[in-house]
């Protein structure tokens, strides 16, 4: 998970771990690149409004580097607007979540993305 708000990241990670998934937190794009040196996620939650480098920019650089292979990416943002979900999908995100994200919605999207990934790799 790449989320610049520490408290939000910590709470989301707790929910994810309680649901049986492994979770690592990066508070910036540069930290995300460091985290993936030792941890390869199946699904990555990426905040769009990161300081210094947007989530869109991070997604593009991670996909172009091939560092995460089959990883599925989910956009998260506190920004609102009817066109933002389309922008996220057009950029290459599998899904778009608006914060605050409900536990049920988050876990449902994670399970769907992880299930889709398992089916593609089988």
C-alpha atoms as a PDB file:
ATOM      1  CA  UNK A   1       0.000   0.000   0.000  1.00  0.00           C
ATOM      2  CA  UNK A   2       1.267   3.426  -0.947  1.00  0.00           C
ATOM      3  CA  UNK A   3      -0.506   6.010   1.208  1.00  0.00           C
ATOM      4  CA  UNK A   4       1.027   9.246   2.479  1.00  0.00           C
ATOM      5  CA  UNK A   5      -1.285   9.554   5.507  1.00  0.00           C
ATOM      6  CA  UNK A   6       0.313   7.326   8.150  1.00  0.00           C
ATOM      7  CA  UNK A   7      -2.821   6.848  10.270  1.00  0.00           C
ATOM      8  CA  UNK A   8      -4.945   5.869   7.261  1.00  0.00           C
ATOM      9  CA  UNK A   9      -2.253   3.523   5.984  1.00  0.00           C
ATOM     10  CA  UNK A  10      -1.910   1.862   9.372  1.00  0.00           C
ATOM     11  CA  UNK A  11      -5.672   1.304   9.734  1.00  0.00           C
ATOM     12  CA  UNK A  12      -6.075  -0.029   6.195  1.00  0.00           C
ATOM     13  CA  UNK A  13      -3.127  -2.360   6.686  1.00  0.00           C
ATOM     14  CA  UNK A  14      -4.634  -3.705   9.921  1.00  0.00           C
ATOM     15  CA  UNK A  15      -7.887  -4.488   8.094  1.00  0.00           C
ATOM     16  CA  UNK A  16      -6.009  -6.179   5.283  1.00  0.00           C
ATOM     17  CA  UNK A  17      -3.911  -8.299   7.655  1.00  0.00           C
ATOM     18  CA  UNK A  18      -6.953  -9.269   9.733  1.00  0.00           C
ATOM     19  CA  UNK A  19      -8.504 -10.587   6.515  1.00  0.00           C
ATOM     20  CA  UNK A  20      -5.490 -12.885   6.074  1.00  0.00           C
ATOM     21  CA  UNK A  21      -3.431 -10.898   3.573  1.00  0.00           C
ATOM     22  CA  UNK A  22       0.159  -9.690   3.957  1.00  0.00           C
ATOM     23  CA  UNK A  23       0.534  -5.917   3.875  1.00  0.00           C
ATOM     24  CA  UNK A  24       3.439  -3.497   3.628  1.00  0.00           C
ATOM     25  CA  UNK A  25       3.139   0.285   3.766  1.00  0.00           C
ATOM     26  CA  UNK A  26       5.054   2.931   1.864  1.00  0.00           C
ATOM     27  CA  UNK A  27       4.379   6.584   2.616  1.00  0.00           C
ATOM     28  CA  UNK A  28       5.757   7.850  -0.707  1.00  0.00           C
ATOM     29  CA  UNK A  29       6.602   6.693  -4.214  1.00  0.00           C
ATOM     30  CA  UNK A  30      10.284   6.430  -3.323  1.00  0.00           C
ATOM     31  CA  UNK A  31       9.480   4.299  -0.267  1.00  0.00           C
ATOM     32  CA  UNK A  32       7.306   2.077  -2.477  1.00  0.00           C
ATOM     33  CA  UNK A  33      10.285   1.381  -4.703  1.00  0.00           C
ATOM     34  CA  UNK A  34      12.312   0.421  -1.628  1.00  0.00           C
ATOM     35  CA  UNK A  35       9.569  -1.847  -0.255  1.00  0.00           C
ATOM     36  CA  UNK A  36       9.289  -3.824  -3.499  1.00  0.00           C
ATOM     37  CA  UNK A  37      12.962  -4.721  -3.335  1.00  0.00           C
ATOM     38  CA  UNK A  38      12.038  -7.249  -0.599  1.00  0.00           C
ATOM     39  CA  UNK A  39       8.288  -7.730  -1.067  1.00  0.00           C
ATOM     40  CA  UNK A  40       6.360  -8.466  -4.251  1.00  0.00           C
ATOM     41  CA  UNK A  41       2.644  -7.879  -3.777  1.00  0.00           C
ATOM     42  CA  UNK A  42      -0.118  -9.550  -5.751  1.00  0.00           C
ATOM     43  CA  UNK A  43      -2.221  -6.392  -5.337  1.00  0.00           C
ATOM     44  CA  UNK A  44      -1.034  -2.841  -4.673  1.00  0.00           C
ATOM     45  CA  UNK A  45      -3.202  -0.028  -3.329  1.00  0.00           C
ATOM     46  CA  UNK A  46      -1.840   3.290  -4.570  1.00  0.00           C
ATOM     47  CA  UNK A  47      -2.942   6.736  -3.420  1.00  0.00           C
ATOM     48  CA  UNK A  48      -3.282   9.095  -6.372  1.00  0.00           C
ATOM     49  CA  UNK A  49      -2.398  12.248  -4.409  1.00  0.00           C
ATOM     50  CA  UNK A  50       1.099  11.399  -3.242  1.00  0.00           C
ATOM     51  CA  UNK A  51       3.556  14.188  -2.457  1.00  0.00           C
ATOM     52  CA  UNK A  52       6.203  14.765  -5.104  1.00  0.00           C
ATOM     53  CA  UNK A  53       5.092  12.063  -7.528  1.00  0.00           C
ATOM     54  CA  UNK A  54       1.482  11.165  -8.249  1.00  0.00           C
ATOM     55  CA  UNK A  55       0.099   7.658  -8.002  1.00  0.00           C
ATOM     56  CA  UNK A  56      -0.362   7.771 -11.774  1.00  0.00           C
ATOM     57  CA  UNK A  57       3.355   8.473 -12.236  1.00  0.00           C
ATOM     58  CA  UNK A  58       4.284   5.707  -9.803  1.00  0.00           C
ATOM     59  CA  UNK A  59       2.025   3.229 -11.594  1.00  0.00           C
ATOM     60  CA  UNK A  60       3.554   4.089 -14.959  1.00  0.00           C
ATOM     61  CA  UNK A  61       7.120   3.691 -13.703  1.00  0.00           C
ATOM     62  CA  UNK A  62       6.400   0.393 -11.913  1.00  0.00           C
ATOM     63  CA  UNK A  63       4.630  -1.084 -14.919  1.00  0.00           C
ATOM     64  CA  UNK A  64       7.322   0.047 -17.344  1.00  0.00           C
ATOM     65  CA  UNK A  65      10.087  -1.386 -15.157  1.00  0.00           C
ATOM     66  CA  UNK A  66       8.389  -4.767 -14.965  1.00  0.00           C
ATOM     67  CA  UNK A  67       9.361  -4.881 -11.286  1.00  0.00           C
ATOM     68  CA  UNK A  68       6.007  -6.231 -10.142  1.00  0.00           C
ATOM     69  CA  UNK A  69       5.148  -8.614 -12.958  1.00  0.00           C
ATOM     70  CA  UNK A  70       1.521  -9.658 -12.592  1.00  0.00           C
ATOM     71  CA  UNK A  71       0.681  -7.295  -9.717  1.00  0.00           C
ATOM     72  CA  UNK A  72      -2.811  -5.774  -9.851  1.00  0.00           C
ATOM     73  CA  UNK A  73      -3.040  -2.053  -9.003  1.00  0.00           C
ATOM     74  CA  UNK A  74      -5.930  -0.320  -7.242  1.00  0.00           C
ATOM     75  CA  UNK A  75      -6.169   3.474  -7.145  1.00  0.00           C
ATOM     76  CA  UNK A  76      -7.286   5.237  -3.965  1.00  0.00           C
ATOM     77  CA  UNK A  77      -8.020   8.924  -3.666  1.00  0.00           C
ATOM     78  CA  UNK A  78      -9.686  11.491  -1.494  1.00  0.00           C
ATOM     79  CA  UNK A  79     -10.388  13.569  -4.598  1.00  0.00           C
ATOM     80  CA  UNK A  80     -13.925  13.462  -5.934  1.00  0.00           C
ATOM     81  CA  UNK A  81     -15.172  13.810  -9.453  1.00  0.00           C
ATOM     82  CA  UNK A  82     -17.121  11.721 -11.892  1.00  0.00           C
ATOM     83  CA  UNK A  83     -14.219  11.392 -14.316  1.00  0.00           C
ATOM     84  CA  UNK A  84     -11.580  10.226 -11.810  1.00  0.00           C
ATOM     85  CA  UNK A  85     -12.542   6.550 -11.894  1.00  0.00           C
ATOM     86  CA  UNK A  86     -12.271   6.555 -15.689  1.00  0.00           C
ATOM     87  CA  UNK A  87      -8.892   8.308 -15.508  1.00  0.00           C
ATOM     88  CA  UNK A  88      -7.634   5.651 -13.103  1.00  0.00           C
ATOM     89  CA  UNK A  89      -8.790   2.753 -15.260  1.00  0.00           C
ATOM     90  CA  UNK A  90      -7.424   4.434 -18.393  1.00  0.00           C
ATOM     91  CA  UNK A  91      -4.072   4.843 -16.606  1.00  0.00           C
ATOM     92  CA  UNK A  92      -3.930   1.091 -15.911  1.00  0.00           C
ATOM     93  CA  UNK A  93      -5.469   0.667 -12.471  1.00  0.00           C
ATOM     94  CA  UNK A  94      -7.799  -2.322 -12.036  1.00  0.00           C
ATOM     95  CA  UNK A  95     -10.163  -0.406  -9.758  1.00  0.00           C
ATOM     96  CA  UNK A  96     -10.692   3.036  -8.268  1.00  0.00           C
ATOM     97  CA  UNK A  97     -11.666   3.605  -4.631  1.00  0.00           C
ATOM     98  CA  UNK A  98     -12.670   6.932  -3.107  1.00  0.00           C
ATOM     99  CA  UNK A  99     -11.541   7.572   0.464  1.00  0.00           C
ATOM    100  CA  UNK A 100     -12.684   7.029   3.065  1.00  0.00           C
ATOM    101  CA  UNK A 101     -12.867   3.416   1.895  1.00  0.00           C
ATOM    102  CA  UNK A 102     -15.211   1.042   3.705  1.00  0.00           C
ATOM    103  CA  UNK A 103     -13.727  -2.208   4.987  1.00  0.00           C
ATOM    104  CA  UNK A 104     -16.191  -4.338   3.033  1.00  0.00           C
ATOM    105  CA  UNK A 105     -15.531  -2.533  -0.239  1.00  0.00           C
ATOM    106  CA  UNK A 106     -11.757  -2.641   0.215  1.00  0.00           C
ATOM    107  CA  UNK A 107     -11.664  -6.340   1.063  1.00  0.00           C
ATOM    108  CA  UNK A 108     -14.098  -7.175  -1.727  1.00  0.00           C
ATOM    109  CA  UNK A 109     -11.920  -5.433  -4.313  1.00  0.00           C
ATOM    110  CA  UNK A 110      -8.760  -7.069  -2.915  1.00  0.00           C
ATOM    111  CA  UNK A 111     -10.355 -10.520  -3.011  1.00  0.00           C
ATOM    112  CA  UNK A 112     -11.643  -9.971  -6.549  1.00  0.00           C
ATOM    113  CA  UNK A 113      -8.248  -8.783  -7.810  1.00  0.00           C
ATOM    114  CA  UNK A 114      -6.393 -11.596  -6.046  1.00  0.00           C
ATOM    115  CA  UNK A 115      -8.893 -14.145  -7.408  1.00  0.00           C
ATOM    116  CA  UNK A 116      -8.573 -12.765 -10.928  1.00  0.00           C
ATOM    117  CA  UNK A 117      -4.790 -12.968 -10.629  1.00  0.00           C
ATOM    118  CA  UNK A 118      -4.926 -16.594  -9.440  1.00  0.00           C
ATOM    119  CA  UNK A 119      -7.168 -17.511 -12.369  1.00  0.00           C
ATOM    120  CA  UNK A 120      -4.801 -15.826 -14.848  1.00  0.00           C
ATOM    121  CA  UNK A 121      -1.771 -17.654 -13.449  1.00  0.00           C
ATOM    122  CA  UNK A 122      -3.428 -21.098 -13.349  1.00  0.00           C
END
